[in-house]
C-alpha atoms as a PDB file:
ATOM      1  CA  MET A   1       0.000   0.000   0.000  1.00  0.00           C
ATOM      2  CA  TRP A   2       2.819   2.421   0.915  1.00  0.00           C
ATOM      3  CA  GLU A   3       4.469   1.844  -2.468  1.00  0.00           C
ATOM      4  CA  ARG A   4       1.344   3.274  -4.155  1.00  0.00           C
ATOM      5  CA  ILE A   5       1.033   6.238  -1.780  1.00  0.00           C
ATOM      6  CA  GLU A   6       4.642   7.435  -1.489  1.00  0.00           C
ATOM      7  CA  PRO A   7       5.283   8.570  -5.095  1.00  0.00           C
ATOM      8  CA  LYS A   8       2.086  10.650  -5.115  1.00  0.00           C
ATOM      9  CA  LEU A   9       2.544  12.220  -1.670  1.00  0.00           C
ATOM     10  CA  GLU A  10       2.825  16.017  -1.635  1.00  0.00           C
ATOM     11  CA  ASN A  11       1.592  18.961   0.410  1.00  0.00           C
ATOM     12  CA  GLY A  12      -2.201  18.962   0.450  1.00  0.00           C
ATOM     13  CA  SER A  13      -2.550  15.309  -0.541  1.00  0.00           C
ATOM     14  CA  ILE A  14      -5.703  13.575   0.584  1.00  0.00           C
ATOM     15  CA  ILE A  15      -5.313   9.838   1.118  1.00  0.00           C
ATOM     16  CA  LEU A  16      -8.525   7.847   0.893  1.00  0.00           C
ATOM     17  CA  MET A  17      -8.413   4.509   2.679  1.00  0.00           C
ATOM     18  CA  HIS A  18     -11.381   2.171   2.900  1.00  0.00           C
ATOM     19  CA  ASN A  19     -12.010   0.976   6.442  1.00  0.00           C
ATOM     20  CA  GLY A  20     -13.699  -2.279   5.463  1.00  0.00           C
ATOM     21  CA  THR A  21     -10.545  -4.182   4.570  1.00  0.00           C
ATOM     22  CA  GLU A  22      -8.083  -6.037   6.749  1.00  0.00           C
ATOM     23  CA  ASN A  23      -5.139  -4.579   4.811  1.00  0.00           C
ATOM     24  CA  THR A  24      -6.075  -1.020   5.744  1.00  0.00           C
ATOM     25  CA  ALA A  25      -6.225  -1.764   9.450  1.00  0.00           C
ATOM     26  CA  ASN A  26      -2.957  -3.697   9.342  1.00  0.00           C
ATOM     27  CA  SER A  27      -1.143  -0.992   7.348  1.00  0.00           C
ATOM     28  CA  LEU A  28      -2.402   2.165   9.023  1.00  0.00           C
ATOM     29  CA  ASP A  29       0.280   2.492  11.730  1.00  0.00           C
ATOM     30  CA  MET A  30       3.076   1.978   9.185  1.00  0.00           C
ATOM     31  CA  ILE A  31       1.579   4.452   6.709  1.00  0.00           C
ATOM     32  CA  ILE A  32       1.113   7.144   9.365  1.00  0.00           C
ATOM     33  CA  THR A  33       4.678   6.621  10.600  1.00  0.00           C
ATOM     34  CA  ASN A  34       6.076   6.833   7.057  1.00  0.00           C
ATOM     35  CA  ILE A  35       4.120  10.004   6.294  1.00  0.00           C
ATOM     36  CA  LYS A  36       5.396  11.666   9.470  1.00  0.00           C
ATOM     37  CA  ASN A  37       8.960  10.471   8.801  1.00  0.00           C
ATOM     38  CA  LYS A  38       8.802  12.286   5.447  1.00  0.00           C
ATOM     39  CA  GLY A  39       8.089  15.509   7.359  1.00  0.00           C
ATOM     40  CA  TYR A  40       4.375  15.799   6.631  1.00  0.00           C
ATOM     41  CA  ASN A  41       1.667  16.554   9.172  1.00  0.00           C
ATOM     42  CA  ILE A  42      -1.627  14.690   9.180  1.00  0.00           C
ATOM     43  CA  VAL A  43      -4.653  16.970   9.466  1.00  0.00           C
ATOM     44  CA  PRO A  44      -8.411  16.591   9.007  1.00  0.00           C
ATOM     45  CA  VAL A  45      -9.716  17.214   5.483  1.00  0.00           C
ATOM     46  CA  SER A  46     -11.673  20.179   6.839  1.00  0.00           C
ATOM     47  CA  ASP A  47      -8.333  21.936   7.522  1.00  0.00           C
ATOM     48  CA  LEU A  48      -7.408  21.664   3.820  1.00  0.00           C
ATOM     49  CA  ILE A  49     -10.606  23.146   2.415  1.00  0.00           C
ATOM     50  CA  TYR A  50     -10.918  26.901   2.019  1.00  0.00           C
ATOM     51  CA  LYS A  51     -14.151  27.917   3.653  1.00  0.00           C
ATOM     52  CA  GLU A  52     -14.827  31.448   2.384  1.00  0.00           C
ATOM     53  CA  ASN A  53     -14.968  32.783  -1.176  1.00  0.00           C
ATOM     54  CA  TYR A  54     -14.112  29.401  -2.748  1.00  0.00           C
ATOM     55  CA  SER A  55     -16.044  26.682  -4.500  1.00  0.00           C
ATOM     56  CA  ILE A  56     -14.997  23.173  -5.514  1.00  0.00           C
ATOM     57  CA  ASP A  57     -15.330  22.211  -9.180  1.00  0.00           C
ATOM     58  CA  ASN A  58     -16.204  18.784 -10.643  1.00  0.00           C
ATOM     59  CA  ASN A  59     -12.525  17.756 -10.522  1.00  0.00           C
ATOM     60  CA  GLY A  60     -12.264  18.505  -6.800  1.00  0.00           C
ATOM     61  CA  VAL A  61     -10.206  21.674  -7.367  1.00  0.00           C
ATOM     62  CA  GLN A  62     -10.857  24.641  -5.099  1.00  0.00           C
ATOM     63  CA  CYS A  63     -11.548  27.808  -7.118  1.00  0.00           C
ATOM     64  CA  LYS A  64     -11.603  31.345  -5.790  1.00  0.00           C
ATOM     65  CA  GLN A  65     -14.987  32.980  -6.472  1.00  0.00           C
END
């Protein structure tokens, strides 16, 4: 799982993990540790979304209004 995440990881990345699989539960501690070891902070999605004067287009991109 980490091999798929690492090359795409950058500031503002949102990592979607499905909680209904055994692999997710077994990998979560390792993935969080690896993300932090790369110098990133883990924050709630709500901290990444601009709340005022922005909208989100069909591609998930935040656009200033």
